[in-house]
Amino acid sequence: MKTTSERISIPVGNQKMGAYVARPEGADAYPGVLLFMEIFGINSHIRSVADRVAAEGYVVLAPDLFHRDAPGIELGYDQTSLTQGIEIMVKTQPAGILADVTAAHAALFNRPDVKGRGVGVIGFCFGGRAAFTAATETPAGRASRTCSTGRCTATMEPAGIDCMSRPRSATRRRASWSDS
């Protein structure tokens, strides 16, 4: 399926968060997928993943989770980029990620080219935490399905929450939400 893409800006509080959107060409509506980046930004790899998922018939939105400290950054996969990405990642705050995830979901879910009851969520490494947040910490998670790679770290968790015990409690809580 042929695709098209664009860069958009999403309001998050009094700031703007950039995002990459890929979708099938044409006027039809498709299911939505949030794609959360690694610590390397919305680089060519993340855009490629978005384009490939869009080619399968989805509208994909990849938000720039580093928009507060390094908006628009695109890093490679060398040691210098890894070090720089980690330096930016440790500055991110759970409340900021929650706000970003909530805003990204609303921006995607409310697009006229998105249909369905919910959205899918994919996250790579650092983005896995954002995907987990989308599925468990926001009302948007009621209808989200999550696939993530990577693991939570102490620097990415709110104080006092054990990452390894989260899936059970989050699953119980999510199961109690209604789909309406």
C-alpha atoms as a PDB file:
ATOM      1  CA  MET A   1       0.000   0.000   0.000  1.00  0.00           C
ATOM      2  CA  LYS A   2       1.365   3.447  -0.874  1.00  0.00           C
ATOM      3  CA  THR A   3       1.817   5.871   2.005  1.00  0.00           C
ATOM      4  CA  THR A   4       2.214   9.548   2.673  1.00  0.00           C
ATOM      5  CA  SER A   5       3.767  11.303   5.644  1.00  0.00           C
ATOM      6  CA  GLU A   6       3.857  14.693   7.320  1.00  0.00           C
ATOM      7  CA  ARG A   7       5.243  16.490  10.343  1.00  0.00           C
ATOM      8  CA  ILE A   8       2.687  17.936  12.737  1.00  0.00           C
ATOM      9  CA  SER A   9       2.736  19.921  15.960  1.00  0.00           C
ATOM     10  CA  ILE A  10       0.707  18.824  18.990  1.00  0.00           C
ATOM     11  CA  PRO A  11      -0.128  21.141  21.915  1.00  0.00           C
ATOM     12  CA  VAL A  12       1.062  19.841  25.299  1.00  0.00           C
ATOM     13  CA  GLY A  13       0.169  22.360  27.965  1.00  0.00           C
ATOM     14  CA  ASN A  14       1.753  25.647  26.863  1.00  0.00           C
ATOM     15  CA  GLN A  15       4.313  23.889  24.633  1.00  0.00           C
ATOM     16  CA  LYS A  16       4.274  22.273  21.208  1.00  0.00           C
ATOM     17  CA  MET A  17       5.463  18.723  20.592  1.00  0.00           C
ATOM     18  CA  GLY A  18       6.535  17.730  17.117  1.00  0.00           C
ATOM     19  CA  ALA A  19       5.414  14.423  15.636  1.00  0.00           C
ATOM     20  CA  TYR A  20       5.809  12.363  12.481  1.00  0.00           C
ATOM     21  CA  VAL A  21       2.623  10.950  10.945  1.00  0.00           C
ATOM     22  CA  ALA A  22       2.545   8.252   8.270  1.00  0.00           C
ATOM     23  CA  ARG A  23      -0.651   6.950   6.707  1.00  0.00           C
ATOM     24  CA  PRO A  24      -1.926   5.107   3.659  1.00  0.00           C
ATOM     25  CA  GLU A  25      -2.622   7.354   0.688  1.00  0.00           C
ATOM     26  CA  GLY A  26      -6.250   8.183  -0.061  1.00  0.00           C
ATOM     27  CA  ALA A  27      -9.255   9.519   1.806  1.00  0.00           C
ATOM     28  CA  ASP A  28     -10.192   6.381   3.763  1.00  0.00           C
ATOM     29  CA  ALA A  29      -9.997   6.105   7.549  1.00  0.00           C
ATOM     30  CA  TYR A  30      -7.752   3.512   9.182  1.00  0.00           C
ATOM     31  CA  PRO A  31      -6.930   2.237  12.688  1.00  0.00           C
ATOM     32  CA  GLY A  32      -4.364   4.295  14.585  1.00  0.00           C
ATOM     33  CA  VAL A  33      -1.022   3.324  16.103  1.00  0.00           C
ATOM     34  CA  LEU A  34       1.159   5.381  18.441  1.00  0.00           C
ATOM     35  CA  LEU A  35       4.851   4.706  17.858  1.00  0.00           C
ATOM     36  CA  PHE A  36       7.176   5.775  20.676  1.00  0.00           C
ATOM     37  CA  MET A  37      10.817   6.438  19.866  1.00  0.00           C
ATOM     38  CA  GLU A  38      14.057   5.141  21.275  1.00  0.00           C
ATOM     39  CA  ILE A  39      16.492   7.597  22.881  1.00  0.00           C
ATOM     40  CA  PHE A  40      17.690   8.489  19.379  1.00  0.00           C
ATOM     41  CA  GLY A  41      14.685  10.675  18.522  1.00  0.00           C
ATOM     42  CA  ILE A  42      12.367  10.525  15.539  1.00  0.00           C
ATOM     43  CA  ASN A  43      15.269   9.480  13.336  1.00  0.00           C
ATOM     44  CA  SER A  44      15.274   7.687   9.988  1.00  0.00           C
ATOM     45  CA  HIS A  45      14.783   4.307  11.683  1.00  0.00           C
ATOM     46  CA  ILE A  46      11.638   5.381  13.569  1.00  0.00           C
ATOM     47  CA  ARG A  47      10.268   7.088  10.448  1.00  0.00           C
ATOM     48  CA  SER A  48      10.941   3.882   8.503  1.00  0.00           C
ATOM     49  CA  VAL A  49       9.049   1.825  11.073  1.00  0.00           C
ATOM     50  CA  ALA A  50       6.142   4.298  10.912  1.00  0.00           C
ATOM     51  CA  ASP A  51       6.126   4.124   7.113  1.00  0.00           C
ATOM     52  CA  ARG A  52       6.155   0.306   7.126  1.00  0.00           C
ATOM     53  CA  VAL A  53       3.313   0.088   9.655  1.00  0.00           C
ATOM     54  CA  ALA A  54       1.339   2.650   7.607  1.00  0.00           C
ATOM     55  CA  ALA A  55       1.869   0.493   4.501  1.00  0.00           C
ATOM     56  CA  GLU A  56      -0.015  -2.267   6.342  1.00  0.00           C
ATOM     57  CA  GLY A  57      -3.088  -0.013   6.666  1.00  0.00           C
ATOM     58  CA  TYR A  58      -2.625   2.123   9.793  1.00  0.00           C
ATOM     59  CA  VAL A  59      -2.298   5.800  10.631  1.00  0.00           C
ATOM     60  CA  VAL A  60       0.897   6.026  12.689  1.00  0.00           C
ATOM     61  CA  LEU A  61       1.867   8.936  14.932  1.00  0.00           C
ATOM     62  CA  ALA A  62       5.397   9.097  16.377  1.00  0.00           C
ATOM     63  CA  PRO A  63       5.647  11.954  18.926  1.00  0.00           C
ATOM     64  CA  ASP A  64       8.913  13.682  19.842  1.00  0.00           C
ATOM     65  CA  LEU A  65       9.211  12.772  23.534  1.00  0.00           C
ATOM     66  CA  PHE A  66      12.354  14.906  23.853  1.00  0.00           C
ATOM     67  CA  HIS A  67      10.634  18.119  22.729  1.00  0.00           C
ATOM     68  CA  ARG A  68      11.286  19.821  26.080  1.00  0.00           C
ATOM     69  CA  ASP A  69      15.074  19.334  26.153  1.00  0.00           C
ATOM     70  CA  ALA A  70      16.129  18.537  22.581  1.00  0.00           C
ATOM     71  CA  PRO A  71      13.290  19.202  20.138  1.00  0.00           C
ATOM     72  CA  GLY A  72      13.702  17.536  16.764  1.00  0.00           C
ATOM     73  CA  ILE A  73      16.891  15.706  17.684  1.00  0.00           C
ATOM     74  CA  GLU A  74      17.856  12.830  15.397  1.00  0.00           C
ATOM     75  CA  LEU A  75      20.724  10.695  16.599  1.00  0.00           C
ATOM     76  CA  GLY A  76      22.563   7.778  15.038  1.00  0.00           C
ATOM     77  CA  TYR A  77      23.455   4.486  16.699  1.00  0.00           C
ATOM     78  CA  ASP A  78      27.089   5.146  17.607  1.00  0.00           C
ATOM     79  CA  GLN A  79      28.531   5.496  21.124  1.00  0.00           C
ATOM     80  CA  THR A  80      28.489   9.312  21.043  1.00  0.00           C
ATOM     81  CA  SER A  81      24.799   9.325  20.075  1.00  0.00           C
ATOM     82  CA  LEU A  82      23.999   6.744  22.740  1.00  0.00           C
ATOM     83  CA  THR A  83      25.681   8.901  25.389  1.00  0.00           C
ATOM     84  CA  GLN A  84      23.847  12.007  24.177  1.00  0.00           C
ATOM     85  CA  GLY A  85      20.502  10.181  24.093  1.00  0.00           C
ATOM     86  CA  ILE A  86      20.973   8.908  27.640  1.00  0.00           C
ATOM     87  CA  GLU A  87      21.813  12.426  28.846  1.00  0.00           C
ATOM     88  CA  ILE A  88      18.547  13.689  27.375  1.00  0.00           C
ATOM     89  CA  MET A  89      16.525  10.695  28.603  1.00  0.00           C
ATOM     90  CA  VAL A  90      17.511  11.161  32.248  1.00  0.00           C
ATOM     91  CA  LYS A  91      16.126  14.702  32.096  1.00  0.00           C
ATOM     92  CA  THR A  92      12.663  13.467  31.156  1.00  0.00           C
ATOM     93  CA  GLN A  93      10.119  13.431  33.939  1.00  0.00           C
ATOM     94  CA  PRO A  94       7.269  10.931  34.359  1.00  0.00           C
ATOM     95  CA  ALA A  95       4.709  13.773  34.468  1.00  0.00           C
ATOM     96  CA  GLY A  96       6.043  15.087  31.153  1.00  0.00           C
ATOM     97  CA  ILE A  97       5.873  11.667  29.521  1.00  0.00           C
ATOM     98  CA  LEU A  98       2.320  11.226  30.812  1.00  0.00           C
ATOM     99  CA  ALA A  99       1.321  14.613  29.356  1.00  0.00           C
ATOM    100  CA  ASP A 100       3.009  13.775  26.042  1.00  0.00           C
ATOM    101  CA  VAL A 101       1.383  10.339  25.799  1.00  0.00           C
ATOM    102  CA  THR A 102      -2.042  11.788  26.594  1.00  0.00           C
ATOM    103  CA  ALA A 103      -1.659  14.587  24.027  1.00  0.00           C
ATOM    104  CA  ALA A 104      -0.328  12.211  21.344  1.00  0.00           C
ATOM    105  CA  HIS A 105      -3.215   9.807  21.873  1.00  0.00           C
ATOM    106  CA  ALA A 106      -5.778  12.616  21.639  1.00  0.00           C
ATOM    107  CA  ALA A 107      -4.140  13.998  18.488  1.00  0.00           C
ATOM    108  CA  LEU A 108      -4.203  10.585  16.816  1.00  0.00           C
ATOM    109  CA  PHE A 109      -7.592   9.413  18.045  1.00  0.00           C
ATOM    110  CA  ASN A 110      -9.298  12.648  16.962  1.00  0.00           C
ATOM    111  CA  ARG A 111      -7.902  12.678  13.417  1.00  0.00           C
ATOM    112  CA  PRO A 112     -10.607  12.295  10.763  1.00  0.00           C
ATOM    113  CA  ASP A 113      -8.516   9.611   9.020  1.00  0.00           C
ATOM    114  CA  VAL A 114      -8.492   7.381  12.137  1.00  0.00           C
ATOM    115  CA  LYS A 115     -11.312   4.963  12.863  1.00  0.00           C
ATOM    116  CA  GLY A 116     -11.925   2.367  15.529  1.00  0.00           C
ATOM    117  CA  ARG A 117     -12.467   2.261  19.293  1.00  0.00           C
ATOM    118  CA  GLY A 118      -8.845   2.593  20.298  1.00  0.00           C
ATOM    119  CA  VAL A 119      -5.278   2.743  19.114  1.00  0.00           C
ATOM    120  CA  GLY A 120      -2.374   0.358  19.093  1.00  0.00           C
ATOM    121  CA  VAL A 121       0.816   1.305  20.901  1.00  0.00           C
ATOM    122  CA  ILE A 122       4.388   0.360  19.969  1.00  0.00           C
ATOM    123  CA  GLY A 123       7.463   1.490  21.869  1.00  0.00           C
ATOM    124  CA  PHE A 124      11.140   0.775  21.387  1.00  0.00           C
ATOM    125  CA  CYS A 125      13.417   0.748  24.445  1.00  0.00           C
ATOM    126  CA  PHE A 126      12.848   4.184  26.073  1.00  0.00           C
ATOM    127  CA  GLY A 127       9.595   4.303  24.092  1.00  0.00           C
ATOM    128  CA  GLY A 128       8.555   1.033  25.730  1.00  0.00           C
ATOM    129  CA  ARG A 129       8.049   2.983  28.954  1.00  0.00           C
ATOM    130  CA  ALA A 130       5.893   5.487  27.077  1.00  0.00           C
ATOM    131  CA  ALA A 131       3.914   2.609  25.536  1.00  0.00           C
ATOM    132  CA  PHE A 132       3.411   1.105  28.981  1.00  0.00           C
ATOM    133  CA  THR A 133       2.301   4.519  30.258  1.00  0.00           C
ATOM    134  CA  ALA A 134      -0.163   4.843  27.369  1.00  0.00           C
ATOM    135  CA  ALA A 135      -1.703   1.472  28.169  1.00  0.00           C
ATOM    136  CA  THR A 136      -1.807   1.737  31.953  1.00  0.00           C
ATOM    137  CA  GLU A 137      -1.696   5.307  33.203  1.00  0.00           C
ATOM    138  CA  THR A 138      -4.087   7.218  30.977  1.00  0.00           C
ATOM    139  CA  PRO A 139      -7.776   6.952  30.159  1.00  0.00           C
ATOM    140  CA  ALA A 140      -6.550   6.403  26.605  1.00  0.00           C
ATOM    141  CA  GLY A 141      -5.313   2.993  27.751  1.00  0.00           C
ATOM    142  CA  ARG A 142      -8.831   1.670  28.013  1.00  0.00           C
ATOM    143  CA  ALA A 143      -8.753   0.611  24.397  1.00  0.00           C
ATOM    144  CA  SER A 144      -5.016   0.446  23.733  1.00  0.00           C
ATOM    145  CA  ARG A 145      -3.030  -2.682  23.004  1.00  0.00           C
ATOM    146  CA  THR A 146       0.670  -2.475  23.738  1.00  0.00           C
ATOM    147  CA  CYS A 147       3.830  -3.952  22.264  1.00  0.00           C
ATOM    148  CA  SER A 148       7.077  -2.712  23.728  1.00  0.00           C
ATOM    149  CA  THR A 149      10.716  -3.637  23.688  1.00  0.00           C
ATOM    150  CA  GLY A 150      13.174  -2.672  26.360  1.00  0.00           C
ATOM    151  CA  ARG A 151      12.828  -2.435  30.086  1.00  0.00           C
ATOM    152  CA  CYS A 152      11.959   0.084  32.748  1.00  0.00           C
ATOM    153  CA  THR A 153      14.780   1.629  34.733  1.00  0.00           C
ATOM    154  CA  ALA A 154      14.834   3.413  38.051  1.00  0.00           C
ATOM    155  CA  THR A 155      15.464   6.740  36.314  1.00  0.00           C
ATOM    156  CA  MET A 156      12.251   6.349  34.329  1.00  0.00           C
ATOM    157  CA  GLU A 157       9.921   5.307  37.145  1.00  0.00           C
ATOM    158  CA  PRO A 158       7.969   7.601  39.446  1.00  0.00           C
ATOM    159  CA  ALA A 159       9.338   7.511  42.984  1.00  0.00           C
ATOM    160  CA  GLY A 160       8.306   4.539  45.052  1.00  0.00           C
ATOM    161  CA  ILE A 161       7.026   2.334  42.238  1.00  0.00           C
ATOM    162  CA  ASP A 162       8.681  -1.014  41.596  1.00  0.00           C
ATOM    163  CA  CYS A 163       8.822  -1.529  37.835  1.00  0.00           C
ATOM    164  CA  MET A 164       8.689  -5.305  38.065  1.00  0.00           C
ATOM    165  CA  SER A 165       5.475  -5.308  40.105  1.00  0.00           C
ATOM    166  CA  ARG A 166       3.694  -2.804  37.807  1.00  0.00           C
ATOM    167  CA  PRO A 167       2.354  -5.148  35.142  1.00  0.00           C
ATOM    168  CA  ARG A 168       0.162  -7.094  37.569  1.00  0.00           C
ATOM    169  CA  SER A 169      -1.391  -4.047  39.234  1.00  0.00           C
ATOM    170  CA  ALA A 170      -1.738  -2.207  35.934  1.00  0.00           C
ATOM    171  CA  THR A 171      -3.399  -5.230  34.332  1.00  0.00           C
ATOM    172  CA  ARG A 172      -5.878  -5.499  37.203  1.00  0.00           C
ATOM    173  CA  ARG A 173      -6.682  -1.795  37.015  1.00  0.00           C
ATOM    174  CA  ARG A 174      -6.961  -1.757  33.223  1.00  0.00           C
ATOM    175  CA  ALA A 175      -9.253  -4.766  33.297  1.00  0.00           C
ATOM    176  CA  SER A 176     -11.615  -2.839  35.569  1.00  0.00           C
ATOM    177  CA  TRP A 177     -12.014   0.048  33.090  1.00  0.00           C
ATOM    178  CA  SER A 178     -14.980  -0.028  30.763  1.00  0.00           C
ATOM    179  CA  ASP A 179     -14.626   0.420  27.010  1.00  0.00           C
ATOM    180  CA  SER A 180     -17.245   3.138  26.907  1.00  0.00           C
END
